[in-house]
Amino acid sequence: MSKFNKKKTGALPPISTASLPDIVFMLLFFFMVVTVLRDSSLLVQNKLPKADQVEKLKKDRSIFVYAGKPSDAYKDKYGTEGRIQIGDKYTDVTNLKPALEGLRGKLRPELQNKVMVALKVDEETNTGLVSDIKQELREANMLKLIYITANGNELDQ
């Protein structure tokens, strides 16, 4: 008789799943932190003109102004004339200056004097509307203006 018996089976022990909930919650927390939510929905049509010399814009000191005809969902309510959108609301040319001042005030204090206005203008928008926007920007002393375009060459269509 022997005191110690040898195991003759070489089976592996079962995998412990005790740390699985910790891993799942860690992944959930990670994706909640790194996910970027959209801050505004587009109310105007925005088919951008194409340009072949574009560069990336820093979003920390920019204010986006959209211009174009109302999208299909809003044509019945707002018509088919070109409109200006800042954030999630339509605005008129006369209300553009106070809206821009409000957005400038929300920026960090060191960036308020270096603010850039980014115009995202639909390619079929009336030039008069763009001129009115530019005039209001001059009066608000927001002279750094950028036109947002799509990559490509307009002639190559």
N, C-alpha and C. Protein backbone atom coordinates (compact mmCIF):
# COMPACT_ATOMS: atom_id res chain seq x y z
N MET A 1 0.81 -1.17 0.00
CA MET A 1 0.00 0.00 0.00
C MET A 1 0.87 1.25 0.00
N SER A 2 0.47 2.13 -0.80
CA SER A 2 1.23 3.37 -0.84
C SER A 2 0.43 4.49 -0.20
N LYS A 3 1.18 5.40 0.40
CA LYS A 3 0.52 6.52 1.04
C LYS A 3 0.07 7.58 0.05
N PHE A 4 0.83 7.81 -0.97
CA PHE A 4 0.53 8.85 -1.96
C PHE A 4 0.12 8.22 -3.27
N ASN A 5 -1.01 8.68 -3.77
CA ASN A 5 -1.47 8.20 -5.06
C ASN A 5 -1.16 9.22 -6.14
N LYS A 6 -0.68 8.78 -7.25
CA LYS A 6 -0.42 9.66 -8.38
C LYS A 6 -1.66 9.77 -9.23
N LYS A 7 -1.90 10.98 -9.72
CA LYS A 7 -3.01 11.17 -10.64
C LYS A 7 -2.57 10.69 -12.01
N LYS A 8 -3.37 9.89 -12.58
CA LYS A 8 -3.01 9.36 -13.88
C LYS A 8 -3.61 10.18 -15.02
N THR A 9 -4.57 11.09 -14.72
CA THR A 9 -5.16 11.91 -15.78
C THR A 9 -4.41 13.23 -15.85
N GLY A 10 -4.16 13.74 -17.01
CA GLY A 10 -3.46 15.01 -17.21
C GLY A 10 -4.42 16.14 -17.58
N ALA A 11 -5.61 16.15 -17.04
CA ALA A 11 -6.62 17.16 -17.38
C ALA A 11 -6.25 18.51 -16.79
N LEU A 12 -6.56 19.55 -17.53
CA LEU A 12 -6.30 20.91 -17.08
C LEU A 12 -7.40 21.35 -16.12
N PRO A 13 -7.06 22.17 -15.14
CA PRO A 13 -8.09 22.68 -14.24
C PRO A 13 -8.99 23.67 -14.99
N PRO A 14 -10.23 23.88 -14.57
CA PRO A 14 -11.13 24.81 -15.27
C PRO A 14 -10.63 26.25 -15.15
N ILE A 15 -10.95 27.05 -16.17
CA ILE A 15 -10.54 28.45 -16.19
C ILE A 15 -11.43 29.24 -15.23
N SER A 16 -10.80 30.06 -14.42
CA SER A 16 -11.54 30.87 -13.46
C SER A 16 -12.15 32.08 -14.16
N THR A 17 -13.43 32.29 -13.97
CA THR A 17 -14.12 33.44 -14.57
C THR A 17 -14.43 34.51 -13.53
N ALA A 18 -13.75 34.50 -12.43
CA ALA A 18 -14.01 35.46 -11.36
C ALA A 18 -13.64 36.88 -11.77
N SER A 19 -12.64 37.07 -12.60
CA SER A 19 -12.23 38.42 -13.00
C SER A 19 -12.94 38.91 -14.25
N LEU A 20 -13.80 38.12 -14.85
CA LEU A 20 -14.49 38.50 -16.08
C LEU A 20 -15.38 39.74 -15.90
N PRO A 21 -16.17 39.87 -14.84
CA PRO A 21 -16.96 41.10 -14.67
C PRO A 21 -16.09 42.35 -14.54
N ASP A 22 -14.94 42.23 -13.90
CA ASP A 22 -14.04 43.38 -13.79
C ASP A 22 -13.55 43.83 -15.17
N ILE A 23 -13.22 42.89 -16.01
CA ILE A 23 -12.75 43.21 -17.36
C ILE A 23 -13.86 43.85 -18.17
N VAL A 24 -15.07 43.33 -18.07
CA VAL A 24 -16.20 43.88 -18.83
C VAL A 24 -16.48 45.31 -18.39
N PHE A 25 -16.49 45.59 -17.10
CA PHE A 25 -16.75 46.94 -16.62
C PHE A 25 -15.61 47.89 -16.97
N MET A 26 -14.39 47.41 -17.01
CA MET A 26 -13.28 48.24 -17.40
C MET A 26 -13.40 48.63 -18.88
N LEU A 27 -13.77 47.69 -19.74
CA LEU A 27 -13.98 48.01 -21.15
C LEU A 27 -15.16 48.96 -21.35
N LEU A 28 -16.23 48.74 -20.63
CA LEU A 28 -17.38 49.62 -20.71
C LEU A 28 -17.02 51.04 -20.31
N PHE A 29 -16.30 51.19 -19.22
CA PHE A 29 -15.86 52.51 -18.77
C PHE A 29 -14.94 53.16 -19.80
N PHE A 30 -14.03 52.39 -20.38
CA PHE A 30 -13.11 52.93 -21.39
C PHE A 30 -13.88 53.49 -22.57
N PHE A 31 -14.84 52.73 -23.10
CA PHE A 31 -15.58 53.20 -24.27
C PHE A 31 -16.51 54.37 -23.94
N MET A 32 -17.00 54.44 -22.72
CA MET A 32 -17.81 55.60 -22.32
C MET A 32 -16.97 56.86 -22.26
N VAL A 33 -15.71 56.74 -21.88
CA VAL A 33 -14.84 57.91 -21.75
C VAL A 33 -14.37 58.40 -23.11
N VAL A 34 -14.02 57.52 -24.02
CA VAL A 34 -13.42 57.93 -25.28
C VAL A 34 -14.42 58.21 -26.39
N THR A 35 -15.69 57.92 -26.18
CA THR A 35 -16.69 58.15 -27.22
C THR A 35 -17.00 59.64 -27.31
N VAL A 36 -17.00 60.17 -28.54
CA VAL A 36 -17.33 61.57 -28.77
C VAL A 36 -18.76 61.63 -29.29
N LEU A 37 -19.57 62.43 -28.63
CA LEU A 37 -20.95 62.59 -29.06
C LEU A 37 -21.07 63.81 -29.95
N ARG A 38 -21.96 63.78 -30.89
CA ARG A 38 -22.18 64.90 -31.79
C ARG A 38 -22.83 66.02 -31.00
N ASP A 39 -22.32 67.25 -31.16
CA ASP A 39 -22.85 68.36 -30.38
C ASP A 39 -23.97 69.12 -31.09
N SER A 40 -24.12 68.93 -32.37
CA SER A 40 -25.22 69.60 -33.07
C SER A 40 -25.63 68.76 -34.28
N SER A 41 -26.89 68.89 -34.64
CA SER A 41 -27.37 68.19 -35.83
C SER A 41 -27.54 69.21 -36.95
N LEU A 42 -27.33 68.77 -38.16
CA LEU A 42 -27.33 69.65 -39.31
C LEU A 42 -28.76 69.91 -39.79
N LEU A 43 -29.13 71.19 -39.87
CA LEU A 43 -30.47 71.58 -40.30
C LEU A 43 -30.48 72.08 -41.74
N VAL A 44 -29.32 72.33 -42.32
CA VAL A 44 -29.22 72.84 -43.69
C VAL A 44 -28.54 71.81 -44.57
N GLN A 45 -28.77 71.93 -45.87
CA GLN A 45 -28.05 71.08 -46.81
C GLN A 45 -26.59 71.51 -46.81
N ASN A 46 -25.69 70.55 -46.90
CA ASN A 46 -24.29 70.91 -46.78
C ASN A 46 -23.44 70.07 -47.72
N LYS A 47 -23.61 70.28 -49.01
CA LYS A 47 -22.72 69.68 -49.99
C LYS A 47 -21.61 70.68 -50.23
N LEU A 48 -20.43 70.38 -49.70
CA LEU A 48 -19.33 71.33 -49.71
C LEU A 48 -18.66 71.38 -51.07
N PRO A 49 -18.20 72.56 -51.46
CA PRO A 49 -17.41 72.64 -52.69
C PRO A 49 -16.08 71.92 -52.50
N LYS A 50 -15.46 71.54 -53.60
CA LYS A 50 -14.22 70.78 -53.53
C LYS A 50 -13.02 71.71 -53.72
N ALA A 51 -11.93 71.35 -53.06
CA ALA A 51 -10.68 72.09 -53.19
C ALA A 51 -9.53 71.10 -53.11
N ASP A 52 -8.42 71.43 -53.78
CA ASP A 52 -7.30 70.50 -53.78
C ASP A 52 -6.20 70.89 -52.79
N GLN A 53 -6.26 72.07 -52.19
CA GLN A 53 -5.27 72.49 -51.21
C GLN A 53 -5.99 72.75 -49.89
N VAL A 54 -6.08 71.72 -49.07
CA VAL A 54 -6.77 71.83 -47.79
C VAL A 54 -5.82 71.46 -46.66
N GLU A 55 -6.11 71.97 -45.47
CA GLU A 55 -5.34 71.60 -44.30
C GLU A 55 -6.27 71.42 -43.12
N LYS A 56 -5.80 70.71 -42.13
CA LYS A 56 -6.59 70.37 -40.95
C LYS A 56 -6.78 71.60 -40.06
N LEU A 57 -7.96 71.72 -39.46
CA LEU A 57 -8.31 72.85 -38.60
C LEU A 57 -8.33 72.40 -37.15
N LYS A 58 -7.74 73.19 -36.26
CA LYS A 58 -7.81 72.89 -34.84
C LYS A 58 -9.18 73.31 -34.34
N LYS A 59 -9.89 72.38 -33.69
CA LYS A 59 -11.26 72.64 -33.29
C LYS A 59 -11.38 73.36 -31.96
N ASP A 60 -10.28 73.55 -31.23
CA ASP A 60 -10.40 74.14 -29.91
C ASP A 60 -10.66 75.64 -29.95
N ARG A 61 -10.37 76.31 -31.03
CA ARG A 61 -10.59 77.75 -31.10
C ARG A 61 -11.44 78.16 -32.30
N SER A 62 -12.30 77.30 -32.73
CA SER A 62 -13.10 77.60 -33.91
C SER A 62 -14.59 77.58 -33.59
N ILE A 63 -15.31 78.42 -34.32
CA ILE A 63 -16.76 78.48 -34.25
C ILE A 63 -17.27 78.14 -35.64
N PHE A 64 -18.18 77.17 -35.73
CA PHE A 64 -18.69 76.74 -37.02
C PHE A 64 -20.00 77.44 -37.34
N VAL A 65 -20.08 77.98 -38.55
CA VAL A 65 -21.29 78.62 -39.06
C VAL A 65 -21.66 77.89 -40.34
N TYR A 66 -22.86 77.33 -40.38
CA TYR A 66 -23.35 76.61 -41.55
C TYR A 66 -24.29 77.51 -42.33
N ALA A 67 -24.24 77.43 -43.64
CA ALA A 67 -25.15 78.20 -44.48
C ALA A 67 -25.58 77.33 -45.64
N GLY A 68 -26.86 77.40 -45.96
CA GLY A 68 -27.40 76.63 -47.07
C GLY A 68 -28.90 76.59 -47.01
N LYS A 69 -29.48 75.93 -47.98
CA LYS A 69 -30.93 75.76 -47.99
C LYS A 69 -31.33 74.80 -46.88
N PRO A 70 -32.52 74.98 -46.30
CA PRO A 70 -32.96 74.02 -45.27
C PRO A 70 -33.03 72.61 -45.85
N SER A 71 -32.68 71.63 -45.01
CA SER A 71 -32.72 70.25 -45.46
C SER A 71 -34.17 69.83 -45.71
N ASP A 72 -34.35 68.68 -46.31
CA ASP A 72 -35.68 68.24 -46.75
C ASP A 72 -36.70 68.19 -45.62
N ALA A 73 -36.27 67.85 -44.42
CA ALA A 73 -37.19 67.75 -43.29
C ALA A 73 -37.71 69.11 -42.85
N TYR A 74 -37.00 70.20 -43.18
CA TYR A 74 -37.37 71.53 -42.71
C TYR A 74 -37.85 72.47 -43.82
N LYS A 75 -37.94 71.98 -45.06
CA LYS A 75 -38.35 72.84 -46.18
C LYS A 75 -39.77 73.36 -46.03
N ASP A 76 -40.68 72.54 -45.50
CA ASP A 76 -42.06 72.98 -45.35
C ASP A 76 -42.17 74.12 -44.35
N LYS A 77 -41.37 74.08 -43.31
CA LYS A 77 -41.46 75.07 -42.24
C LYS A 77 -40.68 76.34 -42.55
N TYR A 78 -39.50 76.21 -43.18
CA TYR A 78 -38.62 77.36 -43.38
C TYR A 78 -38.44 77.78 -44.84
N GLY A 79 -39.04 77.09 -45.77
CA GLY A 79 -38.94 77.47 -47.18
C GLY A 79 -37.67 76.95 -47.83
N THR A 80 -37.35 77.53 -48.98
CA THR A 80 -36.19 77.05 -49.74
C THR A 80 -35.09 78.09 -49.86
N GLU A 81 -35.24 79.23 -49.21
CA GLU A 81 -34.19 80.26 -49.24
C GLU A 81 -33.04 79.84 -48.34
N GLY A 82 -31.84 80.36 -48.62
CA GLY A 82 -30.67 80.04 -47.82
C GLY A 82 -30.84 80.50 -46.38
N ARG A 83 -30.38 79.68 -45.44
CA ARG A 83 -30.49 79.97 -44.01
C ARG A 83 -29.11 79.83 -43.36
N ILE A 84 -28.98 80.41 -42.18
CA ILE A 84 -27.74 80.33 -41.40
C ILE A 84 -28.02 79.47 -40.17
N GLN A 85 -27.12 78.54 -39.88
CA GLN A 85 -27.26 77.70 -38.70
C GLN A 85 -26.01 77.83 -37.83
N ILE A 86 -26.24 78.10 -36.55
CA ILE A 86 -25.16 78.09 -35.56
C ILE A 86 -25.61 77.16 -34.45
N GLY A 87 -24.82 76.15 -34.18
CA GLY A 87 -25.21 75.16 -33.19
C GLY A 87 -26.38 74.35 -33.72
N ASP A 88 -27.45 74.26 -32.94
CA ASP A 88 -28.64 73.51 -33.34
C ASP A 88 -29.79 74.41 -33.76
N LYS A 89 -29.53 75.69 -34.01
CA LYS A 89 -30.63 76.61 -34.30
C LYS A 89 -30.35 77.42 -35.56
N TYR A 90 -31.44 77.74 -36.26
CA TYR A 90 -31.34 78.71 -37.34
C TYR A 90 -31.21 80.09 -36.72
N THR A 91 -30.49 80.96 -37.40
CA THR A 91 -30.39 82.34 -36.96
C THR A 91 -30.49 83.24 -38.17
N ASP A 92 -30.85 84.47 -37.91
CA ASP A 92 -30.96 85.47 -38.97
C ASP A 92 -29.65 86.25 -39.03
N VAL A 93 -29.43 86.97 -40.12
CA VAL A 93 -28.20 87.74 -40.26
C VAL A 93 -28.13 88.80 -39.17
N THR A 94 -29.26 89.38 -38.77
CA THR A 94 -29.25 90.41 -37.74
C THR A 94 -28.92 89.84 -36.36
N ASN A 95 -29.20 88.56 -36.12
CA ASN A 95 -28.90 87.92 -34.83
C ASN A 95 -27.56 87.19 -34.84
N LEU A 96 -26.83 87.29 -35.93
CA LEU A 96 -25.58 86.56 -36.07
C LEU A 96 -24.51 87.08 -35.10
N LYS A 97 -24.40 88.39 -34.98
CA LYS A 97 -23.36 88.98 -34.12
C LYS A 97 -23.54 88.58 -32.65
N PRO A 98 -24.75 88.71 -32.05
CA PRO A 98 -24.89 88.26 -30.65
C PRO A 98 -24.65 86.76 -30.46
N ALA A 99 -25.04 85.95 -31.44
CA ALA A 99 -24.83 84.50 -31.33
C ALA A 99 -23.34 84.17 -31.35
N LEU A 100 -22.60 84.85 -32.21
CA LEU A 100 -21.15 84.62 -32.29
C LEU A 100 -20.45 85.11 -31.03
N GLU A 101 -20.89 86.24 -30.49
CA GLU A 101 -20.31 86.75 -29.24
C GLU A 101 -20.55 85.77 -28.10
N GLY A 102 -21.73 85.17 -28.06
CA GLY A 102 -22.03 84.18 -27.03
C GLY A 102 -21.14 82.96 -27.14
N LEU A 103 -20.90 82.50 -28.36
CA LEU A 103 -20.02 81.35 -28.55
C LEU A 103 -18.57 81.70 -28.25
N ARG A 104 -18.17 82.92 -28.56
CA ARG A 104 -16.81 83.35 -28.24
C ARG A 104 -16.61 83.36 -26.72
N GLY A 105 -17.63 83.78 -25.99
CA GLY A 105 -17.54 83.81 -24.53
C GLY A 105 -17.40 82.45 -23.90
N LYS A 106 -17.85 81.39 -24.59
CA LYS A 106 -17.74 80.03 -24.06
C LYS A 106 -16.35 79.43 -24.23
N LEU A 107 -15.52 80.04 -25.06
CA LEU A 107 -14.16 79.53 -25.27
C LEU A 107 -13.28 79.88 -24.08
N ARG A 108 -12.15 79.20 -23.98
CA ARG A 108 -11.20 79.52 -22.92
C ARG A 108 -10.73 80.97 -23.08
N PRO A 109 -10.46 81.66 -21.98
CA PRO A 109 -10.10 83.10 -22.06
C PRO A 109 -8.90 83.40 -22.95
N GLU A 110 -7.91 82.52 -22.95
CA GLU A 110 -6.72 82.80 -23.78
C GLU A 110 -6.99 82.62 -25.27
N LEU A 111 -8.09 81.92 -25.63
CA LEU A 111 -8.41 81.70 -27.04
C LEU A 111 -9.48 82.65 -27.57
N GLN A 112 -10.07 83.46 -26.71
CA GLN A 112 -11.17 84.32 -27.15
C GLN A 112 -10.74 85.37 -28.16
N ASN A 113 -9.50 85.84 -28.10
CA ASN A 113 -9.02 86.82 -29.08
C ASN A 113 -8.46 86.16 -30.33
N LYS A 114 -8.29 84.85 -30.29
CA LYS A 114 -7.72 84.12 -31.43
C LYS A 114 -8.76 83.25 -32.11
N VAL A 115 -10.01 83.56 -31.93
CA VAL A 115 -11.09 82.72 -32.45
C VAL A 115 -11.10 82.74 -33.97
N MET A 116 -11.37 81.57 -34.56
CA MET A 116 -11.51 81.45 -36.01
C MET A 116 -12.93 81.03 -36.32
N VAL A 117 -13.52 81.68 -37.29
CA VAL A 117 -14.87 81.32 -37.71
C VAL A 117 -14.73 80.44 -38.95
N ALA A 118 -15.29 79.26 -38.85
CA ALA A 118 -15.24 78.30 -39.96
C ALA A 118 -16.59 78.30 -40.66
N LEU A 119 -16.61 78.68 -41.92
CA LEU A 119 -17.84 78.70 -42.70
C LEU A 119 -17.98 77.40 -43.48
N LYS A 120 -19.06 76.70 -43.23
CA LYS A 120 -19.40 75.51 -44.01
C LYS A 120 -20.59 75.90 -44.87
N VAL A 121 -20.32 76.30 -46.08
CA VAL A 121 -21.34 76.83 -46.97
C VAL A 121 -21.64 75.83 -48.07
N ASP A 122 -22.92 75.55 -48.27
CA ASP A 122 -23.34 74.67 -49.35
C ASP A 122 -22.93 75.28 -50.68
N GLU A 123 -22.57 74.44 -51.64
CA GLU A 123 -22.06 74.96 -52.91
C GLU A 123 -23.13 75.67 -53.73
N GLU A 124 -24.40 75.48 -53.42
CA GLU A 124 -25.47 76.15 -54.16
C GLU A 124 -26.04 77.36 -53.41
N THR A 125 -25.38 77.79 -52.37
CA THR A 125 -25.86 78.92 -51.57
C THR A 125 -25.60 80.23 -52.30
N ASN A 126 -26.53 81.16 -52.14
CA ASN A 126 -26.43 82.48 -52.74
C ASN A 126 -25.22 83.22 -52.17
N THR A 127 -24.47 83.89 -53.03
CA THR A 127 -23.28 84.62 -52.61
C THR A 127 -23.64 85.81 -51.73
N GLY A 128 -24.84 86.37 -51.90
CA GLY A 128 -25.27 87.49 -51.07
C GLY A 128 -25.35 87.11 -49.61
N LEU A 129 -25.79 85.90 -49.30
CA LEU A 129 -25.86 85.43 -47.92
C LEU A 129 -24.46 85.33 -47.32
N VAL A 130 -23.51 84.84 -48.09
CA VAL A 130 -22.13 84.74 -47.62
C VAL A 130 -21.55 86.14 -47.39
N SER A 131 -21.86 87.08 -48.27
CA SER A 131 -21.39 88.46 -48.09
C SER A 131 -21.97 89.09 -46.83
N ASP A 132 -23.25 88.82 -46.55
CA ASP A 132 -23.87 89.33 -45.33
C ASP A 132 -23.22 88.74 -44.09
N ILE A 133 -22.90 87.46 -44.12
CA ILE A 133 -22.22 86.82 -43.00
C ILE A 133 -20.85 87.45 -42.78
N LYS A 134 -20.12 87.65 -43.86
CA LYS A 134 -18.79 88.25 -43.75
C LYS A 134 -18.86 89.68 -43.20
N GLN A 135 -19.88 90.44 -43.58
CA GLN A 135 -20.05 91.80 -43.08
C GLN A 135 -20.31 91.79 -41.57
N GLU A 136 -21.16 90.88 -41.11
CA GLU A 136 -21.43 90.76 -39.68
C GLU A 136 -20.18 90.32 -38.91
N LEU A 137 -19.36 89.48 -39.52
CA LEU A 137 -18.11 89.07 -38.87
C LEU A 137 -17.15 90.24 -38.74
N ARG A 138 -17.12 91.11 -39.74
CA ARG A 138 -16.28 92.31 -39.64
C ARG A 138 -16.74 93.20 -38.50
N GLU A 139 -18.05 93.39 -38.38
CA GLU A 139 -18.58 94.24 -37.32
C GLU A 139 -18.34 93.64 -35.94
N ALA A 140 -18.28 92.32 -35.83
CA ALA A 140 -18.02 91.66 -34.56
C ALA A 140 -16.52 91.52 -34.30
N ASN A 141 -15.68 92.03 -35.19
CA ASN A 141 -14.23 91.96 -35.10
C ASN A 141 -13.74 90.51 -35.04
N MET A 142 -14.36 89.65 -35.81
CA MET A 142 -13.90 88.27 -35.98
C MET A 142 -13.38 88.16 -37.40
N LEU A 143 -12.11 88.49 -37.54
CA LEU A 143 -11.55 88.64 -38.87
C LEU A 143 -10.86 87.39 -39.40
N LYS A 144 -10.65 86.40 -38.55
CA LYS A 144 -10.04 85.15 -39.01
C LYS A 144 -11.14 84.24 -39.50
N LEU A 145 -11.16 84.02 -40.80
CA LEU A 145 -12.24 83.29 -41.45
C LEU A 145 -11.66 82.14 -42.26
N ILE A 146 -12.30 81.00 -42.15
CA ILE A 146 -11.87 79.80 -42.88
C ILE A 146 -13.08 79.24 -43.61
N TYR A 147 -12.90 78.87 -44.86
CA TYR A 147 -13.94 78.19 -45.61
C TYR A 147 -13.66 76.69 -45.57
N ILE A 148 -14.60 75.91 -45.11
CA ILE A 148 -14.44 74.46 -45.05
C ILE A 148 -14.86 73.88 -46.39
N THR A 149 -14.01 73.04 -46.96
CA THR A 149 -14.30 72.41 -48.25
C THR A 149 -14.07 70.91 -48.14
N ALA A 150 -14.44 70.21 -49.18
CA ALA A 150 -14.19 68.78 -49.28
C ALA A 150 -12.93 68.56 -50.11
N ASN A 151 -12.26 67.45 -49.87
CA ASN A 151 -11.08 67.13 -50.67
C ASN A 151 -11.48 66.80 -52.09
N GLY A 152 -10.66 67.18 -53.03
CA GLY A 152 -10.92 66.87 -54.43
C GLY A 152 -10.72 68.09 -55.30
N ASN A 153 -10.96 67.91 -56.58
CA ASN A 153 -10.84 69.00 -57.54
C ASN A 153 -12.18 69.18 -58.21
N GLU A 154 -12.71 70.36 -58.21
CA GLU A 154 -14.03 70.64 -58.77
C GLU A 154 -14.08 70.34 -60.27
N LEU A 155 -12.97 70.48 -60.96
CA LEU A 155 -12.95 70.27 -62.40
C LEU A 155 -12.94 68.78 -62.79
N ASP A 156 -12.55 67.92 -61.85
CA ASP A 156 -12.41 66.49 -62.16
C ASP A 156 -13.71 65.70 -62.06
N GLN A 157 -14.74 66.21 -61.51
CA GLN A 157 -16.01 65.53 -61.27
C GLN A 157 -16.10 64.30 -62.06
